[in-house]
Amino acid sequence: MTDASSQELGRFLRLLGRDSRLQAQVHACITADEVALIAQDYGFAVTGDQLLLASGRHESGVTIERVDHPGEYPGRYY
């Protein structure tokens, strides 16, 4: 992840940390791509792959946590 994309993700996480409506939208998502689409709707250049690669990142009270689903390739994003 580039510095610019990392900063963009950080800005999204800071907004997410203080916006309860946005939090509800994100909690309703099943995939990282769905979360990325919400971020893009808010004007952030964030992709699902970036979110998966950032698993474990913590900022502004928000932690990105990758959920392993059966049938996925183990180790693909870490």
PDB file of N, CA and C in Angstrom:
ATOM      1  N   MET A   1       0.853  -1.173   0.000  1.00  0.00           N
ATOM      2  CA  MET A   1       0.000   0.000   0.000  1.00  0.00           C
ATOM      3  C   MET A   1       0.897   1.233   0.000  1.00  0.00           C
ATOM      4  N   THR A   2       0.585   2.176  -0.869  1.00  0.00           N
ATOM      5  CA  THR A   2       1.382   3.407  -0.950  1.00  0.00           C
ATOM      6  C   THR A   2       1.044   4.324   0.223  1.00  0.00           C
ATOM      7  N   ASP A   3       1.900   5.314   0.427  1.00  0.00           N
ATOM      8  CA  ASP A   3       1.652   6.280   1.498  1.00  0.00           C
ATOM      9  C   ASP A   3       0.337   7.020   1.273  1.00  0.00           C
ATOM     10  N   ALA A   4       0.065   7.380   0.009  1.00  0.00           N
ATOM     11  CA  ALA A   4      -1.165   8.113  -0.298  1.00  0.00           C
ATOM     12  C   ALA A   4      -2.397   7.257  -0.016  1.00  0.00           C
ATOM     13  N   SER A   5      -2.362   5.980  -0.402  1.00  0.00           N
ATOM     14  CA  SER A   5      -3.527   5.131  -0.164  1.00  0.00           C
ATOM     15  C   SER A   5      -3.679   4.827   1.322  1.00  0.00           C
ATOM     16  N   SER A   6      -2.559   4.722   2.032  1.00  0.00           N
ATOM     17  CA  SER A   6      -2.619   4.509   3.469  1.00  0.00           C
ATOM     18  C   SER A   6      -3.223   5.725   4.172  1.00  0.00           C
ATOM     19  N   GLN A   7      -2.864   6.911   3.716  1.00  0.00           N
ATOM     20  CA  GLN A   7      -3.419   8.135   4.295  1.00  0.00           C
ATOM     21  C   GLN A   7      -4.912   8.245   3.992  1.00  0.00           C
ATOM     22  N   GLU A   8      -5.296   7.870   2.775  1.00  0.00           N
ATOM     23  CA  GLU A   8      -6.715   7.906   2.399  1.00  0.00           C
ATOM     24  C   GLU A   8      -7.515   6.945   3.270  1.00  0.00           C
ATOM     25  N   LEU A   9      -6.981   5.754   3.484  1.00  0.00           N
ATOM     26  CA  LEU A   9      -7.638   4.787   4.362  1.00  0.00           C
ATOM     27  C   LEU A   9      -7.721   5.341   5.782  1.00  0.00           C
ATOM     28  N   GLY A  10      -6.671   5.986   6.246  1.00  0.00           N
ATOM     29  CA  GLY A  10      -6.674   6.587   7.582  1.00  0.00           C
ATOM     30  C   GLY A  10      -7.743   7.655   7.725  1.00  0.00           C
ATOM     31  N   ARG A  11      -7.933   8.465   6.697  1.00  0.00           N
ATOM     32  CA  ARG A  11      -8.982   9.492   6.744  1.00  0.00           C
ATOM     33  C   ARG A  11     -10.360   8.843   6.823  1.00  0.00           C
ATOM     34  N   PHE A  12     -10.555   7.765   6.071  1.00  0.00           N
ATOM     35  CA  PHE A  12     -11.830   7.049   6.140  1.00  0.00           C
ATOM     36  C   PHE A  12     -12.049   6.465   7.536  1.00  0.00           C
ATOM     37  N   LEU A  13     -11.025   5.866   8.110  1.00  0.00           N
ATOM     38  CA  LEU A  13     -11.157   5.281   9.449  1.00  0.00           C
ATOM     39  C   LEU A  13     -11.467   6.338  10.499  1.00  0.00           C
ATOM     40  N   ARG A  14     -10.870   7.519  10.370  1.00  0.00           N
ATOM     41  CA  ARG A  14     -11.160   8.602  11.329  1.00  0.00           C
ATOM     42  C   ARG A  14     -12.626   9.027  11.232  1.00  0.00           C
ATOM     43  N   LEU A  15     -13.137   9.143  10.002  1.00  0.00           N
ATOM     44  CA  LEU A  15     -14.558   9.469   9.838  1.00  0.00           C
ATOM     45  C   LEU A  15     -15.422   8.355  10.412  1.00  0.00           C
ATOM     46  N   LEU A  16     -15.061   7.128  10.122  1.00  0.00           N
ATOM     47  CA  LEU A  16     -15.814   5.978  10.620  1.00  0.00           C
ATOM     48  C   LEU A  16     -15.850   5.967  12.143  1.00  0.00           C
ATOM     49  N   GLY A  17     -14.753   6.358  12.773  1.00  0.00           N
ATOM     50  CA  GLY A  17     -14.682   6.367  14.235  1.00  0.00           C
ATOM     51  C   GLY A  17     -15.621   7.357  14.895  1.00  0.00           C
ATOM     52  N   ARG A  18     -16.065   8.368  14.162  1.00  0.00           N
ATOM     53  CA  ARG A  18     -16.918   9.390  14.789  1.00  0.00           C
ATOM     54  C   ARG A  18     -18.326   9.475  14.198  1.00  0.00           C
ATOM     55  N   ASP A  19     -18.658   8.644  13.217  1.00  0.00           N
ATOM     56  CA  ASP A  19     -19.957   8.716  12.545  1.00  0.00           C
ATOM     57  C   ASP A  19     -20.740   7.416  12.767  1.00  0.00           C
ATOM     58  N   SER A  20     -21.690   7.452  13.682  1.00  0.00           N
ATOM     59  CA  SER A  20     -22.427   6.228  14.044  1.00  0.00           C
ATOM     60  C   SER A  20     -23.279   5.700  12.885  1.00  0.00           C
ATOM     61  N   ARG A  21     -23.764   6.583  12.032  1.00  0.00           N
ATOM     62  CA  ARG A  21     -24.543   6.136  10.869  1.00  0.00           C
ATOM     63  C   ARG A  21     -23.658   5.347   9.908  1.00  0.00           C
ATOM     64  N   LEU A  22     -22.465   5.847   9.677  1.00  0.00           N
ATOM     65  CA  LEU A  22     -21.500   5.160   8.828  1.00  0.00           C
ATOM     66  C   LEU A  22     -21.092   3.826   9.451  1.00  0.00           C
ATOM     67  N   GLN A  23     -20.922   3.811  10.762  1.00  0.00           N
ATOM     68  CA  GLN A  23     -20.578   2.564  11.456  1.00  0.00           C
ATOM     69  C   GLN A  23     -21.645   1.501  11.228  1.00  0.00           C
ATOM     70  N   ALA A  24     -22.906   1.897  11.300  1.00  0.00           N
ATOM     71  CA  ALA A  24     -23.999   0.949  11.076  1.00  0.00           C
ATOM     72  C   ALA A  24     -23.960   0.402   9.650  1.00  0.00           C
ATOM     73  N   GLN A  25     -23.666   1.255   8.682  1.00  0.00           N
ATOM     74  CA  GLN A  25     -23.567   0.807   7.294  1.00  0.00           C
ATOM     75  C   GLN A  25     -22.435  -0.206   7.126  1.00  0.00           C
ATOM     76  N   VAL A  26     -21.295   0.091   7.724  1.00  0.00           N
ATOM     77  CA  VAL A  26     -20.139  -0.789   7.591  1.00  0.00           C
ATOM     78  C   VAL A  26     -20.383  -2.117   8.302  1.00  0.00           C
ATOM     79  N   HIS A  27     -21.001  -2.079   9.469  1.00  0.00           N
ATOM     80  CA  HIS A  27     -21.275  -3.315  10.210  1.00  0.00           C
ATOM     81  C   HIS A  27     -22.242  -4.226   9.458  1.00  0.00           C
ATOM     82  N   ALA A  28     -23.047  -3.667   8.593  1.00  0.00           N
ATOM     83  CA  ALA A  28     -23.998  -4.460   7.809  1.00  0.00           C
ATOM     84  C   ALA A  28     -23.345  -5.130   6.595  1.00  0.00           C
ATOM     85  N   CYS A  29     -22.114  -4.767   6.294  1.00  0.00           N
ATOM     86  CA  CYS A  29     -21.409  -5.314   5.125  1.00  0.00           C
ATOM     87  C   CYS A  29     -20.913  -6.730   5.403  1.00  0.00           C
ATOM     88  N   ILE A  30     -20.827  -7.497   4.332  1.00  0.00           N
ATOM     89  CA  ILE A  30     -20.309  -8.857   4.429  1.00  0.00           C
ATOM     90  C   ILE A  30     -18.892  -8.941   3.860  1.00  0.00           C
ATOM     91  N   THR A  31     -18.592  -8.120   2.859  1.00  0.00           N
ATOM     92  CA  THR A  31     -17.285  -8.198   2.214  1.00  0.00           C
ATOM     93  C   THR A  31     -16.536  -6.870   2.316  1.00  0.00           C
ATOM     94  N   ALA A  32     -15.231  -6.960   2.137  1.00  0.00           N
ATOM     95  CA  ALA A  32     -14.400  -5.755   2.116  1.00  0.00           C
ATOM     96  C   ALA A  32     -14.768  -4.869   0.931  1.00  0.00           C
ATOM     97  N   ASP A  33     -15.154  -5.479  -0.169  1.00  0.00           N
ATOM     98  CA  ASP A  33     -15.555  -4.694  -1.344  1.00  0.00           C
ATOM     99  C   ASP A  33     -16.794  -3.852  -1.044  1.00  0.00           C
ATOM    100  N   GLU A  34     -17.709  -4.383  -0.248  1.00  0.00           N
ATOM    101  CA  GLU A  34     -18.894  -3.607   0.135  1.00  0.00           C
ATOM    102  C   GLU A  34     -18.500  -2.407   0.987  1.00  0.00           C
ATOM    103  N   VAL A  35     -17.564  -2.616   1.902  1.00  0.00           N
ATOM    104  CA  VAL A  35     -17.075  -1.510   2.734  1.00  0.00           C
ATOM    105  C   VAL A  35     -16.384  -0.473   1.850  1.00  0.00           C
ATOM    106  N   ALA A  36     -15.593  -0.942   0.893  1.00  0.00           N
ATOM    107  CA  ALA A  36     -14.894  -0.031  -0.014  1.00  0.00           C
ATOM    108  C   ALA A  36     -15.881   0.802  -0.822  1.00  0.00           C
ATOM    109  N   LEU A  37     -16.975   0.211  -1.266  1.00  0.00           N
ATOM    110  CA  LEU A  37     -17.983   0.966  -2.013  1.00  0.00           C
ATOM    111  C   LEU A  37     -18.588   2.073  -1.164  1.00  0.00           C
ATOM    112  N   ILE A  38     -18.816   1.787   0.101  1.00  0.00           N
ATOM    113  CA  ILE A  38     -19.327   2.813   1.020  1.00  0.00           C
ATOM    114  C   ILE A  38     -18.296   3.929   1.156  1.00  0.00           C
ATOM    115  N   ALA A  39     -17.036   3.559   1.340  1.00  0.00           N
ATOM    116  CA  ALA A  39     -15.966   4.563   1.452  1.00  0.00           C
ATOM    117  C   ALA A  39     -15.925   5.420   0.194  1.00  0.00           C
ATOM    118  N   GLN A  40     -16.054   4.793  -0.958  1.00  0.00           N
ATOM    119  CA  GLN A  40     -16.032   5.529  -2.217  1.00  0.00           C
ATOM    120  C   GLN A  40     -17.230   6.465  -2.330  1.00  0.00           C
ATOM    121  N   ASP A  41     -18.387   6.038  -1.836  1.00  0.00           N
ATOM    122  CA  ASP A  41     -19.565   6.911  -1.823  1.00  0.00           C
ATOM    123  C   ASP A  41     -19.315   8.177  -0.997  1.00  0.00           C
ATOM    124  N   TYR A  42     -18.460   8.064   0.002  1.00  0.00           N
ATOM    125  CA  TYR A  42     -18.106   9.204   0.849  1.00  0.00           C
ATOM    126  C   TYR A  42     -16.914   9.983   0.282  1.00  0.00           C
ATOM    127  N   GLY A  43     -16.409   9.558  -0.879  1.00  0.00           N
ATOM    128  CA  GLY A  43     -15.342  10.289  -1.545  1.00  0.00           C
ATOM    129  C   GLY A  43     -13.937   9.803  -1.251  1.00  0.00           C
ATOM    130  N   PHE A  44     -13.796   8.648  -0.643  1.00  0.00           N
ATOM    131  CA  PHE A  44     -12.480   8.104  -0.314  1.00  0.00           C
ATOM    132  C   PHE A  44     -12.073   7.070  -1.354  1.00  0.00           C
ATOM    133  N   ALA A  45     -10.830   7.142  -1.811  1.00  0.00           N
ATOM    134  CA  ALA A  45     -10.303   6.190  -2.786  1.00  0.00           C
ATOM    135  C   ALA A  45      -9.757   4.977  -2.044  1.00  0.00           C
ATOM    136  N   VAL A  46     -10.664   4.090  -1.633  1.00  0.00           N
ATOM    137  CA  VAL A  46     -10.318   2.904  -0.855  1.00  0.00           C
ATOM    138  C   VAL A  46     -10.827   1.685  -1.611  1.00  0.00           C
ATOM    139  N   THR A  47     -10.013   0.609  -1.642  1.00  0.00           N
ATOM    140  CA  THR A  47     -10.437  -0.629  -2.298  1.00  0.00           C
ATOM    141  C   THR A  47     -10.588  -1.746  -1.272  1.00  0.00           C
ATOM    142  N   GLY A  48     -11.302  -2.767  -1.660  1.00  0.00           N
ATOM    143  CA  GLY A  48     -11.449  -3.932  -0.799  1.00  0.00           C
ATOM    144  C   GLY A  48     -10.118  -4.590  -0.509  1.00  0.00           C
ATOM    145  N   ASP A  49      -9.244  -4.653  -1.513  1.00  0.00           N
ATOM    146  CA  ASP A  49      -7.917  -5.235  -1.307  1.00  0.00           C
ATOM    147  C   ASP A  49      -7.124  -4.452  -0.270  1.00  0.00           C
ATOM    148  N   GLN A  50      -7.214  -3.131  -0.317  1.00  0.00           N
ATOM    149  CA  GLN A  50      -6.505  -2.306   0.683  1.00  0.00           C
ATOM    150  C   GLN A  50      -7.017  -2.617   2.088  1.00  0.00           C
ATOM    151  N   LEU A  51      -8.321  -2.769   2.213  1.00  0.00           N
ATOM    152  CA  LEU A  51      -8.893  -3.079   3.524  1.00  0.00           C
ATOM    153  C   LEU A  51      -8.397  -4.439   4.023  1.00  0.00           C
ATOM    154  N   LEU A  52      -8.369  -5.423   3.140  1.00  0.00           N
ATOM    155  CA  LEU A  52      -7.898  -6.744   3.544  1.00  0.00           C
ATOM    156  C   LEU A  52      -6.428  -6.722   3.931  1.00  0.00           C
ATOM    157  N   LEU A  53      -5.623  -5.990   3.179  1.00  0.00           N
ATOM    158  CA  LEU A  53      -4.199  -5.894   3.488  1.00  0.00           C
ATOM    159  C   LEU A  53      -3.943  -5.128   4.780  1.00  0.00           C
ATOM    160  N   ALA A  54      -4.881  -4.286   5.179  1.00  0.00           N
ATOM    161  CA  ALA A  54      -4.725  -3.475   6.393  1.00  0.00           C
ATOM    162  C   ALA A  54      -5.301  -4.167   7.629  1.00  0.00           C
ATOM    163  N   SER A  55      -5.645  -5.432   7.521  1.00  0.00           N
ATOM    164  CA  SER A  55      -6.202  -6.159   8.661  1.00  0.00           C
ATOM    165  C   SER A  55      -5.293  -6.007   9.871  1.00  0.00           C
ATOM    166  N   GLY A  56      -5.882  -5.652  10.990  1.00  0.00           N
ATOM    167  CA  GLY A  56      -5.144  -5.436  12.227  1.00  0.00           C
ATOM    168  C   GLY A  56      -4.822  -3.975  12.482  1.00  0.00           C
ATOM    169  N   ARG A  57      -4.995  -3.138  11.478  1.00  0.00           N
ATOM    170  CA  ARG A  57      -4.719  -1.704  11.652  1.00  0.00           C
ATOM    171  C   ARG A  57      -5.765  -1.103  12.578  1.00  0.00           C
ATOM    172  N   HIS A  58      -5.308  -0.247  13.473  1.00  0.00           N
ATOM    173  CA  HIS A  58      -6.185   0.392  14.456  1.00  0.00           C
ATOM    174  C   HIS A  58      -5.980   1.898  14.386  1.00  0.00           C
ATOM    175  N   GLU A  59      -7.063   2.618  14.222  1.00  0.00           N
ATOM    176  CA  GLU A  59      -6.981   4.082  14.161  1.00  0.00           C
ATOM    177  C   GLU A  59      -8.307   4.691  14.608  1.00  0.00           C
ATOM    178  N   SER A  60      -8.231   5.703  15.436  1.00  0.00           N
ATOM    179  CA  SER A  60      -9.412   6.454  15.898  1.00  0.00           C
ATOM    180  C   SER A  60     -10.499   5.541  16.464  1.00  0.00           C
ATOM    181  N   GLY A  61     -10.086   4.529  17.199  1.00  0.00           N
ATOM    182  CA  GLY A  61     -11.049   3.631  17.817  1.00  0.00           C
ATOM    183  C   GLY A  61     -11.621   2.584  16.872  1.00  0.00           C
ATOM    184  N   VAL A  62     -11.092   2.512  15.660  1.00  0.00           N
ATOM    185  CA  VAL A  62     -11.573   1.560  14.656  1.00  0.00           C
ATOM    186  C   VAL A  62     -10.459   0.564  14.364  1.00  0.00           C
ATOM    187  N   THR A  63     -10.784  -0.722  14.372  1.00  0.00           N
ATOM    188  CA  THR A  63      -9.825  -1.760  14.020  1.00  0.00           C
ATOM    189  C   THR A  63     -10.338  -2.504  12.801  1.00  0.00           C
ATOM    190  N   ILE A  64      -9.483  -2.639  11.804  1.00  0.00           N
ATOM    191  CA  ILE A  64      -9.841  -3.426  10.625  1.00  0.00           C
ATOM    192  C   ILE A  64      -9.558  -4.881  10.954  1.00  0.00           C
ATOM    193  N   GLU A  65     -10.569  -5.709  10.802  1.00  0.00           N
ATOM    194  CA  GLU A  65     -10.421  -7.123  11.120  1.00  0.00           C
ATOM    195  C   GLU A  65     -10.888  -7.954   9.940  1.00  0.00           C
ATOM    196  N   ARG A  66      -9.982  -8.746   9.404  1.00  0.00           N
ATOM    197  CA  ARG A  66     -10.311  -9.623   8.284  1.00  0.00           C
ATOM    198  C   ARG A  66     -10.983 -10.867   8.832  1.00  0.00           C
ATOM    199  N   VAL A  67     -12.114 -11.229   8.250  1.00  0.00           N
ATOM    200  CA  VAL A  67     -12.837 -12.430   8.643  1.00  0.00           C
ATOM    201  C   VAL A  67     -12.545 -13.504   7.604  1.00  0.00           C
ATOM    202  N   ASP A  68     -12.018 -14.635   8.056  1.00  0.00           N
ATOM    203  CA  ASP A  68     -11.749 -15.738   7.139  1.00  0.00           C
ATOM    204  C   ASP A  68     -13.035 -16.490   6.846  1.00  0.00           C
ATOM    205  N   HIS A  69     -13.281 -16.698   5.573  1.00  0.00           N
ATOM    206  CA  HIS A  69     -14.465 -17.436   5.145  1.00  0.00           C
ATOM    207  C   HIS A  69     -14.029 -18.764   4.536  1.00  0.00           C
ATOM    208  N   PRO A  70     -14.800 -19.817   4.734  1.00  0.00           N
ATOM    209  CA  PRO A  70     -14.445 -21.106   4.142  1.00  0.00           C
ATOM    210  C   PRO A  70     -14.302 -20.988   2.620  1.00  0.00           C
ATOM    211  N   GLY A  71     -13.291 -21.650   2.088  1.00  0.00           N
ATOM    212  CA  GLY A  71     -13.084 -21.659   0.650  1.00  0.00           C
ATOM    213  C   GLY A  71     -12.159 -20.579   0.138  1.00  0.00           C
ATOM    214  N   GLU A  72     -11.743 -19.658   1.002  1.00  0.00           N
ATOM    215  CA  GLU A  72     -10.808 -18.622   0.564  1.00  0.00           C
ATOM    216  C   GLU A  72      -9.387 -19.172   0.579  1.00  0.00           C
ATOM    217  N   TYR A  73      -8.518 -18.515  -0.149  1.00  0.00           N
ATOM    218  CA  TYR A  73      -7.117 -18.917  -0.194  1.00  0.00           C
ATOM    219  C   TYR A  73      -6.418 -18.455   1.068  1.00  0.00           C
ATOM    220  N   PRO A  74      -5.941 -19.381   1.895  1.00  0.00           N
ATOM    221  CA  PRO A  74      -5.242 -18.964   3.115  1.00  0.00           C
ATOM    222  C   PRO A  74      -3.965 -18.178   2.779  1.00  0.00           C
ATOM    223  N   GLY A  75      -3.728 -17.127   3.515  1.00  0.00           N
ATOM    224  CA  GLY A  75      -2.519 -16.345   3.348  1.00  0.00           C
ATOM    225  C   GLY A  75      -2.515 -15.388   2.168  1.00  0.00           C
ATOM    226  N   ARG A  76      -3.608 -15.262   1.482  1.00  0.00           N
ATOM    227  CA  ARG A  76      -3.632 -14.430   0.290  1.00  0.00           C
ATOM    228  C   ARG A  76      -3.374 -12.958   0.595  1.00  0.00           C
ATOM    229  N   TYR A  77      -3.838 -12.474   1.722  1.00  0.00           N
ATOM    230  CA  TYR A  77      -3.730 -11.051   2.023  1.00  0.00           C
ATOM    231  C   TYR A  77      -2.818 -10.760   3.213  1.00  0.00           C
ATOM    232  N   TYR A  78      -1.974 -11.692   3.590  1.00  0.00           N
ATOM    233  CA  TYR A  78      -1.036 -11.416   4.677  1.00  0.00           C
ATOM    234  C   TYR A  78       0.207 -12.233   4.493  1.00  0.00           C
TER     235      TYR A  78
END
